[in-house]
Amino acid sequence: MQIHSLDFEDIYEDNYYLIGVHTTLEDYKLAYLLNQELKAHFSRATDSLDFGKEKNTTSYSIYNYFNATYDFNWFLISNSCKKESRQNNGLLLSSEIKNYLIPEKKNIDFFIKIIGESDEEFISKTVQKIKQIHQVITAYSVDHTTLKSKDFLIF
């Protein structure tokens, strides 16, 4: 006799918004500027988002900001990870390999994931504030339901 069963939908939280950010800034500098512009408090998460095994691990930086007043949990997530590969066959050659968290959005440098009840007007105002940062090329809302790799954003 089955009393209660859990479905993937019970665990998976689909109630979030994504903002794509194009910039040449490093992650820590973008977090600092977002803190100033949005009056947020992004801080480096204790763990990175890691995929792979041992030597083939890719690691994506994550910054977190929790707003207890409005019950929002924000994440600043790097979309790319650079790895240097060295080949030693007589000559010391090295090349840089770039991996993407969301490969279908290679042009986006960072994602801002906002978890919590919100409306489109709030997200639109947030995007406009991000665009005001001089080092940000552009920012826009991303429809996460159309992403093939959206499972990588579950954490």
Protein backbone atom coordinates (compact mmCIF):
# COMPACT_ATOMS: atom_id res chain seq x y z
CA MET A 1 0.00 0.00 0.00
CA GLN A 2 1.52 3.24 -1.14
CA ILE A 3 0.99 6.11 1.28
CA HIS A 4 2.96 8.89 -0.39
CA SER A 5 5.42 8.97 -3.24
CA LEU A 6 7.75 11.74 -4.29
CA ASP A 7 7.93 12.88 -7.85
CA PHE A 8 10.78 14.84 -9.40
CA GLU A 9 8.43 17.81 -9.56
CA ASP A 10 8.15 17.74 -5.75
CA ILE A 11 11.87 18.28 -5.37
CA TYR A 12 12.69 20.45 -8.39
CA GLU A 13 11.98 24.13 -7.82
CA ASP A 14 10.95 25.84 -11.04
CA ASN A 15 10.14 29.17 -9.39
CA TYR A 16 13.12 31.26 -10.41
CA TYR A 17 14.19 33.92 -12.87
CA LEU A 18 17.39 34.12 -14.89
CA ILE A 19 19.21 37.22 -16.01
CA GLY A 20 22.03 36.94 -18.53
CA VAL A 21 24.95 39.38 -18.18
CA HIS A 22 27.52 40.18 -20.87
CA THR A 23 30.74 41.65 -19.48
CA THR A 24 34.51 41.28 -19.59
CA LEU A 25 34.78 41.67 -15.82
CA GLU A 26 36.09 39.01 -13.47
CA ASP A 27 33.52 37.40 -11.19
CA TYR A 28 34.66 39.16 -7.99
CA LYS A 29 34.62 42.58 -9.66
CA LEU A 30 31.12 42.03 -11.07
CA ALA A 31 29.89 40.91 -7.64
CA TYR A 32 31.36 44.08 -6.11
CA LEU A 33 29.69 46.34 -8.69
CA LEU A 34 26.36 44.51 -8.33
CA ASN A 35 26.57 45.03 -4.58
CA GLN A 36 26.97 48.77 -5.14
CA GLU A 37 24.31 49.16 -7.83
CA LEU A 38 21.66 46.79 -6.46
CA LYS A 39 22.36 47.40 -2.75
CA ALA A 40 22.96 43.67 -2.49
CA HIS A 41 25.49 41.67 -0.49
CA PHE A 42 26.88 39.05 -2.87
CA SER A 43 29.61 36.97 -1.28
CA ARG A 44 31.60 34.04 -2.61
CA ALA A 45 29.90 30.74 -1.88
CA THR A 46 31.93 28.21 0.06
CA ASP A 47 31.68 25.70 -2.79
CA SER A 48 31.94 26.13 -6.53
CA LEU A 49 29.80 24.31 -9.05
CA ASP A 50 32.06 21.39 -10.04
CA PHE A 51 31.55 18.84 -12.82
CA GLY A 52 33.76 15.97 -13.89
CA LYS A 53 36.25 13.67 -12.30
CA GLU A 54 39.67 14.39 -10.79
CA LYS A 55 41.85 15.98 -13.53
CA ASN A 56 38.94 16.72 -15.88
CA THR A 57 36.99 18.80 -13.37
CA THR A 58 35.42 22.05 -14.48
CA SER A 59 34.62 24.56 -11.78
CA TYR A 60 32.21 27.48 -12.09
CA SER A 61 32.27 30.25 -9.49
CA ILE A 62 29.15 31.06 -7.49
CA TYR A 63 28.32 34.14 -5.42
CA ASN A 64 25.29 34.12 -3.15
CA TYR A 65 23.04 36.82 -1.70
CA PHE A 66 20.07 36.08 0.56
CA ASN A 67 17.55 38.83 1.32
CA ALA A 68 15.54 37.78 4.38
CA THR A 69 13.20 40.79 4.14
CA TYR A 70 11.85 39.83 0.72
CA ASP A 71 12.72 36.10 0.94
CA PHE A 72 14.91 36.18 -2.18
CA ASN A 73 17.92 33.98 -2.78
CA TRP A 74 20.20 35.30 -5.52
CA PHE A 75 23.09 33.52 -7.19
CA LEU A 76 25.72 35.00 -9.50
CA ILE A 77 27.00 32.10 -11.60
CA SER A 78 29.87 32.10 -14.07
CA ASN A 79 28.92 30.55 -17.41
CA SER A 80 32.46 29.72 -18.49
CA CYS A 81 35.45 27.91 -17.09
CA LYS A 82 38.92 28.16 -18.60
CA LYS A 83 41.33 25.26 -18.32
CA GLU A 84 44.89 25.17 -19.51
CA SER A 85 46.02 21.97 -21.19
CA ARG A 86 49.71 21.24 -21.67
CA GLN A 87 51.21 18.92 -24.21
CA ASN A 88 54.76 17.79 -23.72
CA ASN A 89 56.04 16.09 -26.84
CA GLY A 90 59.47 17.62 -27.22
CA LEU A 91 58.09 21.15 -27.06
CA LEU A 92 56.18 22.69 -24.21
CA LEU A 93 52.88 23.66 -25.76
CA SER A 94 49.87 24.89 -23.86
CA SER A 95 46.41 25.80 -24.98
CA GLU A 96 43.37 27.14 -23.23
CA ILE A 97 40.10 25.23 -23.32
CA LYS A 98 36.89 27.04 -22.44
CA ASN A 99 33.93 25.04 -21.12
CA TYR A 100 30.42 26.41 -20.67
CA LEU A 101 27.87 25.67 -17.98
CA ILE A 102 25.01 26.40 -20.40
CA PRO A 103 26.52 25.63 -23.84
CA GLU A 104 23.55 26.95 -25.82
CA LYS A 105 24.17 30.42 -24.29
CA LYS A 106 27.93 30.75 -24.92
CA ASN A 107 27.62 34.50 -25.41
CA ILE A 108 26.43 35.02 -21.81
CA ASP A 109 29.29 35.51 -19.35
CA PHE A 110 27.28 35.31 -16.10
CA PHE A 111 23.83 34.28 -14.99
CA ILE A 112 21.96 35.79 -12.08
CA LYS A 113 19.48 33.29 -10.71
CA ILE A 114 16.76 34.82 -8.51
CA ILE A 115 14.77 32.31 -6.46
CA GLY A 116 11.59 33.57 -4.82
CA GLU A 117 8.24 35.08 -5.57
CA SER A 118 8.70 38.04 -7.85
CA ASP A 119 7.04 39.74 -10.78
CA GLU A 120 8.19 40.79 -14.23
CA GLU A 121 8.32 44.46 -13.23
CA PHE A 122 10.86 43.76 -10.47
CA ILE A 123 13.02 41.69 -12.83
CA SER A 124 12.81 44.41 -15.49
CA LYS A 125 13.92 47.10 -13.00
CA THR A 126 16.78 44.87 -11.85
CA VAL A 127 17.93 44.36 -15.43
CA GLN A 128 17.87 48.13 -16.01
CA LYS A 129 20.00 48.72 -12.91
CA ILE A 130 22.52 46.11 -14.06
CA LYS A 131 22.73 47.80 -17.47
CA GLN A 132 23.71 51.05 -15.71
CA ILE A 133 27.02 49.51 -14.64
CA HIS A 134 29.55 50.94 -17.11
CA GLN A 135 31.55 47.73 -17.49
CA VAL A 136 28.44 45.66 -18.29
CA ILE A 137 27.86 45.40 -22.02
CA THR A 138 24.24 44.31 -21.70
CA ALA A 139 21.87 42.33 -19.48
CA TYR A 140 18.51 40.75 -20.18
CA SER A 141 16.00 38.27 -18.84
CA VAL A 142 16.48 34.67 -20.01
CA ASP A 143 13.57 32.23 -20.30
CA HIS A 144 14.93 29.24 -18.38
CA THR A 145 12.19 26.92 -19.63
CA THR A 146 13.72 26.97 -23.13
CA LEU A 147 17.21 25.96 -21.99
CA LYS A 148 18.33 22.42 -22.75
CA SER A 149 20.94 22.49 -19.96
CA LYS A 150 18.77 24.05 -17.25
CA ASP A 151 19.42 21.05 -15.00
CA PHE A 152 22.92 22.43 -14.38
CA LEU A 153 21.28 25.36 -12.59
CA ILE A 154 19.72 23.15 -9.91
CA PHE A 155 21.66 23.56 -6.66
